[in-house]
Amino acid sequence: MRFAGAGAAGTVRRALVAAARSTRRCSRPCRNVLLSSWLGRESDPPAPEGSDPVGEALVRRYLAAFGPAATADLRAWCGLAGLPGAVAAIREELVTFRDERGRELLDLPGV
């Protein structure tokens, strides 16, 4: 799956899945190769320490499709536990609501 603004994350994920599948079928040892050879281009530089641009893009895309939603809903949907940092990084971009149980719901403005 590839998300806008996610750089090579979608391509990397597909390459890793393909590599895992191919190693299960062959009897020879796994051969390590550079990521750039899988991508056919140089890989994107790593994000600055403490930032998560892929996680931020994931949060934005999820909220665009399913918002307003609680952060627990987002974690249940994607299965990733490391998204609170991404939510915190873009919190100023988001609008908040409370549901009938008092949970904080996040959404994109104007959606």
PDB file of N, CA and C in Angstrom:
ATOM      1  N   MET A   1       0.845  -1.160   0.000  1.00  0.00           N
ATOM      2  CA  MET A   1       0.000   0.000   0.000  1.00  0.00           C
ATOM      3  C   MET A   1       0.897   1.232   0.000  1.00  0.00           C
ATOM      4  N   ARG A   2       0.580   2.225  -0.783  1.00  0.00           N
ATOM      5  CA  ARG A   2       1.424   3.414  -0.873  1.00  0.00           C
ATOM      6  C   ARG A   2       0.595   4.644  -0.562  1.00  0.00           C
ATOM      7  N   PHE A   3       1.131   5.521   0.263  1.00  0.00           N
ATOM      8  CA  PHE A   3       0.428   6.725   0.674  1.00  0.00           C
ATOM      9  C   PHE A   3       1.138   7.942   0.119  1.00  0.00           C
ATOM     10  N   ALA A   4       0.347   8.948  -0.221  1.00  0.00           N
ATOM     11  CA  ALA A   4       0.934  10.192  -0.716  1.00  0.00           C
ATOM     12  C   ALA A   4       1.836  10.768   0.365  1.00  0.00           C
ATOM     13  N   GLY A   5       2.972  11.248  -0.031  1.00  0.00           N
ATOM     14  CA  GLY A   5       3.902  11.846   0.913  1.00  0.00           C
ATOM     15  C   GLY A   5       4.697  10.824   1.712  1.00  0.00           C
ATOM     16  N   ALA A   6       4.493   9.564   1.440  1.00  0.00           N
ATOM     17  CA  ALA A   6       5.161   8.536   2.230  1.00  0.00           C
ATOM     18  C   ALA A   6       6.503   8.141   1.644  1.00  0.00           C
ATOM     19  N   GLY A   7       6.972   8.821   0.603  1.00  0.00           N
ATOM     20  CA  GLY A   7       8.258   8.479   0.012  1.00  0.00           C
ATOM     21  C   GLY A   7       8.249   7.072  -0.539  1.00  0.00           C
ATOM     22  N   ALA A   8       9.250   6.320  -0.232  1.00  0.00           N
ATOM     23  CA  ALA A   8       9.389   4.977  -0.780  1.00  0.00           C
ATOM     24  C   ALA A   8       8.822   3.917   0.139  1.00  0.00           C
ATOM     25  N   ALA A   9       8.061   4.299   1.151  1.00  0.00           N
ATOM     26  CA  ALA A   9       7.582   3.328   2.140  1.00  0.00           C
ATOM     27  C   ALA A   9       6.760   2.217   1.505  1.00  0.00           C
ATOM     28  N   GLY A  10       5.843   2.569   0.604  1.00  0.00           N
ATOM     29  CA  GLY A  10       5.020   1.548  -0.040  1.00  0.00           C
ATOM     30  C   GLY A  10       5.843   0.615  -0.898  1.00  0.00           C
ATOM     31  N   THR A  11       6.792   1.159  -1.630  1.00  0.00           N
ATOM     32  CA  THR A  11       7.656   0.351  -2.479  1.00  0.00           C
ATOM     33  C   THR A  11       8.540  -0.547  -1.643  1.00  0.00           C
ATOM     34  N   VAL A  12       9.060  -0.021  -0.556  1.00  0.00           N
ATOM     35  CA  VAL A  12       9.922  -0.803   0.329  1.00  0.00           C
ATOM     36  C   VAL A  12       9.143  -1.967   0.918  1.00  0.00           C
ATOM     37  N   ARG A  13       7.914  -1.691   1.344  1.00  0.00           N
ATOM     38  CA  ARG A  13       7.103  -2.756   1.945  1.00  0.00           C
ATOM     39  C   ARG A  13       6.872  -3.878   0.937  1.00  0.00           C
ATOM     40  N   ARG A  14       6.524  -3.522  -0.300  1.00  0.00           N
ATOM     41  CA  ARG A  14       6.299  -4.551  -1.319  1.00  0.00           C
ATOM     42  C   ARG A  14       7.580  -5.334  -1.591  1.00  0.00           C
ATOM     43  N   ALA A  15       8.721  -4.652  -1.612  1.00  0.00           N
ATOM     44  CA  ALA A  15       9.989  -5.333  -1.867  1.00  0.00           C
ATOM     45  C   ALA A  15      10.322  -6.301  -0.743  1.00  0.00           C
ATOM     46  N   LEU A  16      10.065  -5.895   0.491  1.00  0.00           N
ATOM     47  CA  LEU A  16      10.345  -6.780   1.619  1.00  0.00           C
ATOM     48  C   LEU A  16       9.430  -7.991   1.622  1.00  0.00           C
ATOM     49  N   VAL A  17       8.168  -7.788   1.281  1.00  0.00           N
ATOM     50  CA  VAL A  17       7.228  -8.918   1.203  1.00  0.00           C
ATOM     51  C   VAL A  17       7.668  -9.871   0.101  1.00  0.00           C
ATOM     52  N   ALA A  18       8.051  -9.326  -1.053  1.00  0.00           N
ATOM     53  CA  ALA A  18       8.516 -10.172  -2.155  1.00  0.00           C
ATOM     54  C   ALA A  18       9.764 -10.943  -1.753  1.00  0.00           C
ATOM     55  N   ALA A  19      10.680 -10.290  -1.056  1.00  0.00           N
ATOM     56  CA  ALA A  19      11.904 -10.963  -0.618  1.00  0.00           C
ATOM     57  C   ALA A  19      11.588 -12.082   0.366  1.00  0.00           C
ATOM     58  N   ALA A  20      10.664 -11.826   1.279  1.00  0.00           N
ATOM     59  CA  ALA A  20      10.297 -12.850   2.258  1.00  0.00           C
ATOM     60  C   ALA A  20       9.656 -14.049   1.564  1.00  0.00           C
ATOM     61  N   ARG A  21       8.800 -13.781   0.600  1.00  0.00           N
ATOM     62  CA  ARG A  21       8.150 -14.881  -0.115  1.00  0.00           C
ATOM     63  C   ARG A  21       9.155 -15.687  -0.927  1.00  0.00           C
ATOM     64  N   SER A  22      10.086 -15.006  -1.583  1.00  0.00           N
ATOM     65  CA  SER A  22      11.045 -15.713  -2.424  1.00  0.00           C
ATOM     66  C   SER A  22      12.006 -16.554  -1.590  1.00  0.00           C
ATOM     67  N   THR A  23      12.361 -16.117  -0.396  1.00  0.00           N
ATOM     68  CA  THR A  23      13.287 -16.901   0.426  1.00  0.00           C
ATOM     69  C   THR A  23      12.612 -18.130   0.996  1.00  0.00           C
ATOM     70  N   ARG A  24      11.302 -18.091   1.170  1.00  0.00           N
ATOM     71  CA  ARG A  24      10.615 -19.277   1.677  1.00  0.00           C
ATOM     72  C   ARG A  24      10.570 -20.384   0.633  1.00  0.00           C
ATOM     73  N   ARG A  25      10.591 -20.010  -0.645  1.00  0.00           N
ATOM     74  CA  ARG A  25      10.482 -21.007  -1.704  1.00  0.00           C
ATOM     75  C   ARG A  25      11.819 -21.570  -2.150  1.00  0.00           C
ATOM     76  N   CYS A  26      12.896 -20.892  -1.864  1.00  0.00           N
ATOM     77  CA  CYS A  26      14.181 -21.390  -2.350  1.00  0.00           C
ATOM     78  C   CYS A  26      14.922 -22.098  -1.217  1.00  0.00           C
ATOM     79  N   SER A  27      15.761 -23.008  -1.619  1.00  0.00           N
ATOM     80  CA  SER A  27      16.522 -23.766  -0.620  1.00  0.00           C
ATOM     81  C   SER A  27      17.899 -23.170  -0.379  1.00  0.00           C
ATOM     82  N   ARG A  28      18.295 -22.195  -1.205  1.00  0.00           N
ATOM     83  CA  ARG A  28      19.593 -21.555  -1.045  1.00  0.00           C
ATOM     84  C   ARG A  28      19.520 -20.469   0.022  1.00  0.00           C
ATOM     85  N   PRO A  29      20.661 -20.054   0.550  1.00  0.00           N
ATOM     86  CA  PRO A  29      20.659 -18.964   1.527  1.00  0.00           C
ATOM     87  C   PRO A  29      20.161 -17.657   0.907  1.00  0.00           C
ATOM     88  N   CYS A  30      19.634 -16.813   1.733  1.00  0.00           N
ATOM     89  CA  CYS A  30      19.140 -15.509   1.291  1.00  0.00           C
ATOM     90  C   CYS A  30      20.309 -14.630   0.866  1.00  0.00           C
ATOM     91  N   ARG A  31      20.131 -13.877  -0.202  1.00  0.00           N
ATOM     92  CA  ARG A  31      21.163 -12.960  -0.682  1.00  0.00           C
ATOM     93  C   ARG A  31      20.754 -11.537  -0.326  1.00  0.00           C
ATOM     94  N   ASN A  32      21.593 -10.837   0.388  1.00  0.00           N
ATOM     95  CA  ASN A  32      21.312  -9.452   0.747  1.00  0.00           C
ATOM     96  C   ASN A  32      21.721  -8.537  -0.388  1.00  0.00           C
ATOM     97  N   VAL A  33      20.845  -7.576  -0.691  1.00  0.00           N
ATOM     98  CA  VAL A  33      21.129  -6.602  -1.734  1.00  0.00           C
ATOM     99  C   VAL A  33      20.809  -5.209  -1.206  1.00  0.00           C
ATOM    100  N   LEU A  34      21.328  -4.202  -1.868  1.00  0.00           N
ATOM    101  CA  LEU A  34      21.041  -2.826  -1.488  1.00  0.00           C
ATOM    102  C   LEU A  34      19.591  -2.480  -1.806  1.00  0.00           C
ATOM    103  N   LEU A  35      19.003  -1.654  -0.967  1.00  0.00           N
ATOM    104  CA  LEU A  35      17.635  -1.217  -1.182  1.00  0.00           C
ATOM    105  C   LEU A  35      17.487  -0.526  -2.533  1.00  0.00           C
ATOM    106  N   SER A  36      18.478   0.239  -2.935  1.00  0.00           N
ATOM    107  CA  SER A  36      18.404   0.953  -4.213  1.00  0.00           C
ATOM    108  C   SER A  36      18.267  -0.017  -5.390  1.00  0.00           C
ATOM    109  N   SER A  37      18.816  -1.228  -5.281  1.00  0.00           N
ATOM    110  CA  SER A  37      18.666  -2.187  -6.378  1.00  0.00           C
ATOM    111  C   SER A  37      17.237  -2.717  -6.447  1.00  0.00           C
ATOM    112  N   TRP A  38      16.555  -2.787  -5.320  1.00  0.00           N
ATOM    113  CA  TRP A  38      15.139  -3.189  -5.315  1.00  0.00           C
ATOM    114  C   TRP A  38      14.267  -2.083  -5.886  1.00  0.00           C
ATOM    115  N   LEU A  39      14.579  -0.831  -5.513  1.00  0.00           N
ATOM    116  CA  LEU A  39      13.752   0.292  -5.935  1.00  0.00           C
ATOM    117  C   LEU A  39      14.031   0.731  -7.368  1.00  0.00           C
ATOM    118  N   GLY A  40      15.234   0.469  -7.860  1.00  0.00           N
ATOM    119  CA  GLY A  40      15.622   0.949  -9.162  1.00  0.00           C
ATOM    120  C   GLY A  40      16.041   2.412  -9.139  1.00  0.00           C
ATOM    121  N   ARG A  41      16.253   2.956  -7.978  1.00  0.00           N
ATOM    122  CA  ARG A  41      16.688   4.343  -7.786  1.00  0.00           C
ATOM    123  C   ARG A  41      17.256   4.443  -6.383  1.00  0.00           C
ATOM    124  N   GLU A  42      17.864   5.576  -6.088  1.00  0.00           N
ATOM    125  CA  GLU A  42      18.376   5.781  -4.734  1.00  0.00           C
ATOM    126  C   GLU A  42      17.200   5.915  -3.770  1.00  0.00           C
ATOM    127  N   SER A  43      17.347   5.390  -2.573  1.00  0.00           N
ATOM    128  CA  SER A  43      16.281   5.488  -1.574  1.00  0.00           C
ATOM    129  C   SER A  43      16.250   6.887  -0.974  1.00  0.00           C
ATOM    130  N   ASP A  44      15.085   7.246  -0.448  1.00  0.00           N
ATOM    131  CA  ASP A  44      14.931   8.553   0.190  1.00  0.00           C
ATOM    132  C   ASP A  44      15.792   8.614   1.444  1.00  0.00           C
ATOM    133  N   PRO A  45      16.310   9.779   1.777  1.00  0.00           N
ATOM    134  CA  PRO A  45      17.103   9.886   3.007  1.00  0.00           C
ATOM    135  C   PRO A  45      16.206   9.645   4.218  1.00  0.00           C
ATOM    136  N   PRO A  46      16.768   9.155   5.302  1.00  0.00           N
ATOM    137  CA  PRO A  46      15.951   8.918   6.492  1.00  0.00           C
ATOM    138  C   PRO A  46      15.378  10.222   7.028  1.00  0.00           C
ATOM    139  N   ALA A  47      14.236  10.106   7.681  1.00  0.00           N
ATOM    140  CA  ALA A  47      13.598  11.277   8.284  1.00  0.00           C
ATOM    141  C   ALA A  47      14.447  11.773   9.446  1.00  0.00           C
ATOM    142  N   PRO A  48      14.381  13.073   9.726  1.00  0.00           N
ATOM    143  CA  PRO A  48      15.119  13.597  10.877  1.00  0.00           C
ATOM    144  C   PRO A  48      14.701  12.869  12.163  1.00  0.00           C
ATOM    145  N   GLU A  49      15.625  12.763  13.070  1.00  0.00           N
ATOM    146  CA  GLU A  49      15.367  12.078  14.335  1.00  0.00           C
ATOM    147  C   GLU A  49      14.142  12.666  15.031  1.00  0.00           C
ATOM    148  N   GLY A  50      13.258  11.810  15.461  1.00  0.00           N
ATOM    149  CA  GLY A  50      12.072  12.248  16.184  1.00  0.00           C
ATOM    150  C   GLY A  50      10.873  12.561  15.300  1.00  0.00           C
ATOM    151  N   SER A  51      11.037  12.502  13.969  1.00  0.00           N
ATOM    152  CA  SER A  51       9.892  12.760  13.096  1.00  0.00           C
ATOM    153  C   SER A  51       9.471  11.459  12.421  1.00  0.00           C
ATOM    154  N   ASP A  52       8.226  11.432  11.988  1.00  0.00           N
ATOM    155  CA  ASP A  52       7.672  10.245  11.344  1.00  0.00           C
ATOM    156  C   ASP A  52       6.775  10.685  10.191  1.00  0.00           C
ATOM    157  N   PRO A  53       7.353  11.099   9.061  1.00  0.00           N
ATOM    158  CA  PRO A  53       6.523  11.585   7.965  1.00  0.00           C
ATOM    159  C   PRO A  53       5.580  10.525   7.400  1.00  0.00           C
ATOM    160  N   VAL A  54       5.980   9.267   7.420  1.00  0.00           N
ATOM    161  CA  VAL A  54       5.106   8.202   6.926  1.00  0.00           C
ATOM    162  C   VAL A  54       3.923   8.032   7.867  1.00  0.00           C
ATOM    163  N   GLY A  55       4.181   8.036   9.168  1.00  0.00           N
ATOM    164  CA  GLY A  55       3.094   7.934  10.142  1.00  0.00           C
ATOM    165  C   GLY A  55       2.146   9.119  10.048  1.00  0.00           C
ATOM    166  N   GLU A  56       2.695  10.309   9.843  1.00  0.00           N
ATOM    167  CA  GLU A  56       1.856  11.499   9.704  1.00  0.00           C
ATOM    168  C   GLU A  56       0.970  11.396   8.469  1.00  0.00           C
ATOM    169  N   ALA A  57       1.528  10.922   7.364  1.00  0.00           N
ATOM    170  CA  ALA A  57       0.734  10.736   6.143  1.00  0.00           C
ATOM    171  C   ALA A  57      -0.352   9.689   6.360  1.00  0.00           C
ATOM    172  N   LEU A  58      -0.022   8.623   7.087  1.00  0.00           N
ATOM    173  CA  LEU A  58      -1.007   7.579   7.382  1.00  0.00           C
ATOM    174  C   LEU A  58      -2.169   8.145   8.198  1.00  0.00           C
ATOM    175  N   VAL A  59      -1.866   8.944   9.209  1.00  0.00           N
ATOM    176  CA  VAL A  59      -2.912   9.546  10.037  1.00  0.00           C
ATOM    177  C   VAL A  59      -3.798  10.451   9.190  1.00  0.00           C
ATOM    178  N   ARG A  60      -3.196  11.281   8.358  1.00  0.00           N
ATOM    179  CA  ARG A  60      -3.987  12.179   7.504  1.00  0.00           C
ATOM    180  C   ARG A  60      -4.888  11.406   6.552  1.00  0.00           C
ATOM    181  N   ARG A  61      -4.351  10.371   5.933  1.00  0.00           N
ATOM    182  CA  ARG A  61      -5.149   9.576   4.988  1.00  0.00           C
ATOM    183  C   ARG A  61      -6.288   8.851   5.690  1.00  0.00           C
ATOM    184  N   TYR A  62      -5.998   8.309   6.879  1.00  0.00           N
ATOM    185  CA  TYR A  62      -7.045   7.613   7.634  1.00  0.00           C
ATOM    186  C   TYR A  62      -8.166   8.580   8.003  1.00  0.00           C
ATOM    187  N   LEU A  63      -7.799   9.735   8.528  1.00  0.00           N
ATOM    188  CA  LEU A  63      -8.818  10.701   8.934  1.00  0.00           C
ATOM    189  C   LEU A  63      -9.593  11.242   7.734  1.00  0.00           C
ATOM    190  N   ALA A  64      -8.957  11.387   6.595  1.00  0.00           N
ATOM    191  CA  ALA A  64      -9.664  11.832   5.395  1.00  0.00           C
ATOM    192  C   ALA A  64     -10.735  10.831   4.990  1.00  0.00           C
ATOM    193  N   ALA A  65     -10.467   9.555   5.209  1.00  0.00           N
ATOM    194  CA  ALA A  65     -11.420   8.513   4.821  1.00  0.00           C
ATOM    195  C   ALA A  65     -12.421   8.172   5.921  1.00  0.00           C
ATOM    196  N   PHE A  66     -11.968   8.142   7.180  1.00  0.00           N
ATOM    197  CA  PHE A  66     -12.804   7.611   8.256  1.00  0.00           C
ATOM    198  C   PHE A  66     -13.047   8.573   9.408  1.00  0.00           C
ATOM    199  N   GLY A  67     -12.527   9.801   9.319  1.00  0.00           N
ATOM    200  CA  GLY A  67     -12.650  10.730  10.442  1.00  0.00           C
ATOM    201  C   GLY A  67     -14.056  11.268  10.587  1.00  0.00           C
ATOM    202  N   PRO A  68     -14.410  11.781  11.742  1.00  0.00           N
ATOM    203  CA  PRO A  68     -13.603  11.857  12.956  1.00  0.00           C
ATOM    204  C   PRO A  68     -13.432  10.481  13.598  1.00  0.00           C
ATOM    205  N   ALA A  69     -12.296  10.307  14.237  1.00  0.00           N
ATOM    206  CA  ALA A  69     -11.978   9.023  14.850  1.00  0.00           C
ATOM    207  C   ALA A  69     -11.062   9.229  16.047  1.00  0.00           C
ATOM    208  N   ALA A  70     -11.147   8.290  16.970  1.00  0.00           N
ATOM    209  CA  ALA A  70     -10.257   8.286  18.133  1.00  0.00           C
ATOM    210  C   ALA A  70      -8.928   7.654  17.736  1.00  0.00           C
ATOM    211  N   THR A  71      -7.886   7.972  18.463  1.00  0.00           N
ATOM    212  CA  THR A  71      -6.588   7.368  18.164  1.00  0.00           C
ATOM    213  C   THR A  71      -6.635   5.850  18.342  1.00  0.00           C
ATOM    214  N   ALA A  72      -7.480   5.371  19.241  1.00  0.00           N
ATOM    215  CA  ALA A  72      -7.633   3.919  19.415  1.00  0.00           C
ATOM    216  C   ALA A  72      -8.212   3.284  18.156  1.00  0.00           C
ATOM    217  N   ASP A  73      -9.120   3.987  17.475  1.00  0.00           N
ATOM    218  CA  ASP A  73      -9.679   3.476  16.225  1.00  0.00           C
ATOM    219  C   ASP A  73      -8.585   3.357  15.162  1.00  0.00           C
ATOM    220  N   LEU A  74      -7.739   4.356  15.098  1.00  0.00           N
ATOM    221  CA  LEU A  74      -6.633   4.352  14.140  1.00  0.00           C
ATOM    222  C   LEU A  74      -5.690   3.179  14.406  1.00  0.00           C
ATOM    223  N   ARG A  75      -5.331   2.975  15.669  1.00  0.00           N
ATOM    224  CA  ARG A  75      -4.436   1.854  16.020  1.00  0.00           C
ATOM    225  C   ARG A  75      -5.090   0.519  15.707  1.00  0.00           C
ATOM    226  N   ALA A  76      -6.380   0.390  15.968  1.00  0.00           N
ATOM    227  CA  ALA A  76      -7.075  -0.871  15.687  1.00  0.00           C
ATOM    228  C   ALA A  76      -7.119  -1.144  14.180  1.00  0.00           C
ATOM    229  N   TRP A  77      -7.272  -0.091  13.398  1.00  0.00           N
ATOM    230  CA  TRP A  77      -7.354  -0.240  11.946  1.00  0.00           C
ATOM    231  C   TRP A  77      -6.028  -0.666  11.345  1.00  0.00           C
ATOM    232  N   CYS A  78      -4.940  -0.012  11.755  1.00  0.00           N
ATOM    233  CA  CYS A  78      -3.655  -0.276  11.103  1.00  0.00           C
ATOM    234  C   CYS A  78      -2.774  -1.259  11.875  1.00  0.00           C
ATOM    235  N   GLY A  79      -3.031  -1.449  13.151  1.00  0.00           N
ATOM    236  CA  GLY A  79      -2.223  -2.375  13.932  1.00  0.00           C
ATOM    237  C   GLY A  79      -0.872  -1.834  14.365  1.00  0.00           C
ATOM    238  N   LEU A  80      -0.640  -0.549  14.181  1.00  0.00           N
ATOM    239  CA  LEU A  80       0.643   0.046  14.568  1.00  0.00           C
ATOM    240  C   LEU A  80       0.513   0.759  15.899  1.00  0.00           C
ATOM    241  N   ALA A  81       1.416   0.472  16.813  1.00  0.00           N
ATOM    242  CA  ALA A  81       1.367   1.095  18.137  1.00  0.00           C
ATOM    243  C   ALA A  81       2.141   2.404  18.193  1.00  0.00           C
ATOM    244  N   GLY A  82       2.982   2.699  17.214  1.00  0.00           N
ATOM    245  CA  GLY A  82       3.841   3.866  17.268  1.00  0.00           C
ATOM    246  C   GLY A  82       3.263   5.136  16.684  1.00  0.00           C
ATOM    247  N   LEU A  83       1.953   5.204  16.528  1.00  0.00           N
ATOM    248  CA  LEU A  83       1.364   6.384  15.895  1.00  0.00           C
ATOM    249  C   LEU A  83       1.076   7.560  16.823  1.00  0.00           C
ATOM    250  N   PRO A  84       1.088   7.432  18.144  1.00  0.00           N
ATOM    251  CA  PRO A  84       0.854   8.618  18.964  1.00  0.00           C
ATOM    252  C   PRO A  84       1.827   9.753  18.673  1.00  0.00           C
ATOM    253  N   GLY A  85       3.061   9.449  18.352  1.00  0.00           N
ATOM    254  CA  GLY A  85       4.026  10.494  18.001  1.00  0.00           C
ATOM    255  C   GLY A  85       3.628  11.208  16.720  1.00  0.00           C
ATOM    256  N   ALA A  86       3.123  10.464  15.742  1.00  0.00           N
ATOM    257  CA  ALA A  86       2.675  11.068  14.484  1.00  0.00           C
ATOM    258  C   ALA A  86       1.446  11.935  14.721  1.00  0.00           C
ATOM    259  N   VAL A  87       0.531  11.456  15.566  1.00  0.00           N
ATOM    260  CA  VAL A  87      -0.661  12.248  15.895  1.00  0.00           C
ATOM    261  C   VAL A  87      -0.248  13.523  16.619  1.00  0.00           C
ATOM    262  N   ALA A  88       0.669  13.419  17.556  1.00  0.00           N
ATOM    263  CA  ALA A  88       1.127  14.594  18.300  1.00  0.00           C
ATOM    264  C   ALA A  88       1.789  15.611  17.374  1.00  0.00           C
ATOM    265  N   ALA A  89       2.518  15.135  16.370  1.00  0.00           N
ATOM    266  CA  ALA A  89       3.219  16.037  15.459  1.00  0.00           C
ATOM    267  C   ALA A  89       2.264  16.856  14.590  1.00  0.00           C
ATOM    268  N   ILE A  90       1.105  16.287  14.260  1.00  0.00           N
ATOM    269  CA  ILE A  90       0.167  17.011  13.392  1.00  0.00           C
ATOM    270  C   ILE A  90      -1.067  17.501  14.147  1.00  0.00           C
ATOM    271  N   ARG A  91      -1.055  17.405  15.474  1.00  0.00           N
ATOM    272  CA  ARG A  91      -2.228  17.768  16.284  1.00  0.00           C
ATOM    273  C   ARG A  91      -2.713  19.184  15.993  1.00  0.00           C
ATOM    274  N   GLU A  92      -1.816  20.120  15.747  1.00  0.00           N
ATOM    275  CA  GLU A  92      -2.231  21.502  15.485  1.00  0.00           C
ATOM    276  C   GLU A  92      -3.004  21.639  14.178  1.00  0.00           C
ATOM    277  N   GLU A  93      -2.821  20.681  13.258  1.00  0.00           N
ATOM    278  CA  GLU A  93      -3.555  20.691  11.991  1.00  0.00           C
ATOM    279  C   GLU A  93      -4.968  20.139  12.139  1.00  0.00           C
ATOM    280  N   LEU A  94      -5.237  19.450  13.226  1.00  0.00           N
ATOM    281  CA  LEU A  94      -6.483  18.706  13.383  1.00  0.00           C
ATOM    282  C   LEU A  94      -7.502  19.467  14.214  1.00  0.00           C
ATOM    283  N   VAL A  95      -8.768  19.117  14.019  1.00  0.00           N
ATOM    284  CA  VAL A  95      -9.838  19.623  14.879  1.00  0.00           C
ATOM    285  C   VAL A  95     -10.261  18.478  15.789  1.00  0.00           C
ATOM    286  N   THR A  96     -10.731  18.813  16.978  1.00  0.00           N
ATOM    287  CA  THR A  96     -11.108  17.779  17.945  1.00  0.00           C
ATOM    288  C   THR A  96     -12.576  17.903  18.320  1.00  0.00           C
ATOM    289  N   PHE A  97     -13.161  16.776  18.629  1.00  0.00           N
ATOM    290  CA  PHE A  97     -14.543  16.660  19.084  1.00  0.00           C
ATOM    291  C   PHE A  97     -14.560  15.695  20.254  1.00  0.00           C
ATOM    292  N   ARG A  98     -15.665  15.605  20.935  1.00  0.00           N
ATOM    293  CA  ARG A  98     -15.879  14.584  21.972  1.00  0.00           C
ATOM    294  C   ARG A  98     -17.101  13.778  21.583  1.00  0.00           C
ATOM    295  N   ASP A  99     -17.020  12.463  21.719  1.00  0.00           N
ATOM    296  CA  ASP A  99     -18.201  11.640  21.460  1.00  0.00           C
ATOM    297  C   ASP A  99     -19.026  11.504  22.728  1.00  0.00           C
ATOM    298  N   GLU A 100     -20.101  10.759  22.652  1.00  0.00           N
ATOM    299  CA  GLU A 100     -21.006  10.629  23.799  1.00  0.00           C
ATOM    300  C   GLU A 100     -20.367   9.940  24.997  1.00  0.00           C
ATOM    301  N   ARG A 101     -19.273   9.216  24.790  1.00  0.00           N
ATOM    302  CA  ARG A 101     -18.562   8.571  25.896  1.00  0.00           C
ATOM    303  C   ARG A 101     -17.413   9.425  26.414  1.00  0.00           C
ATOM    304  N   GLY A 102     -17.235  10.607  25.832  1.00  0.00           N
ATOM    305  CA  GLY A 102     -16.185  11.504  26.288  1.00  0.00           C
ATOM    306  C   GLY A 102     -14.839  11.286  25.630  1.00  0.00           C
ATOM    307  N   ARG A 103     -14.760  10.375  24.662  1.00  0.00           N
ATOM    308  CA  ARG A 103     -13.492  10.134  23.964  1.00  0.00           C
ATOM    309  C   ARG A 103     -13.186  11.295  23.024  1.00  0.00           C
ATOM    310  N   GLU A 104     -11.912  11.629  22.922  1.00  0.00           N
ATOM    311  CA  GLU A 104     -11.500  12.669  21.991  1.00  0.00           C
ATOM    312  C   GLU A 104     -11.457  12.085  20.582  1.00  0.00           C
ATOM    313  N   LEU A 105     -12.139  12.763  19.665  1.00  0.00           N
ATOM    314  CA  LEU A 105     -12.146  12.365  18.262  1.00  0.00           C
ATOM    315  C   LEU A 105     -11.371  13.422  17.479  1.00  0.00           C
ATOM    316  N   LEU A 106     -10.561  12.965  16.552  1.00  0.00           N
ATOM    317  CA  LEU A 106      -9.737  13.843  15.726  1.00  0.00           C
ATOM    318  C   LEU A 106     -10.266  13.815  14.302  1.00  0.00           C
ATOM    319  N   ASP A 107     -10.123  14.948  13.612  1.00  0.00           N
ATOM    320  CA  ASP A 107     -10.526  15.005  12.220  1.00  0.00           C
ATOM    321  C   ASP A 107      -9.721  16.091  11.523  1.00  0.00           C
ATOM    322  N   LEU A 108      -9.735  16.044  10.199  1.00  0.00           N
ATOM    323  CA  LEU A 108      -9.113  17.086   9.403  1.00  0.00           C
ATOM    324  C   LEU A 108     -10.082  18.250   9.282  1.00  0.00           C
ATOM    325  N   PRO A 109      -9.615  19.474   9.294  1.00  0.00           N
ATOM    326  CA  PRO A 109     -10.525  20.609   9.165  1.00  0.00           C
ATOM    327  C   PRO A 109     -11.123  20.667   7.763  1.00  0.00           C
ATOM    328  N   GLY A 110     -12.389  21.031   7.708  1.00  0.00           N
ATOM    329  CA  GLY A 110     -13.053  21.219   6.430  1.00  0.00           C
ATOM    330  C   GLY A 110     -13.396  19.960   5.673  1.00  0.00           C
ATOM    331  N   VAL A 111     -13.304  18.816   6.308  1.00  0.00           N
ATOM    332  CA  VAL A 111     -13.635  17.553   5.620  1.00  0.00           C
ATOM    333  C   VAL A 111     -15.040  17.153   5.987  1.00  0.00           C
TER     334      VAL A 111
END
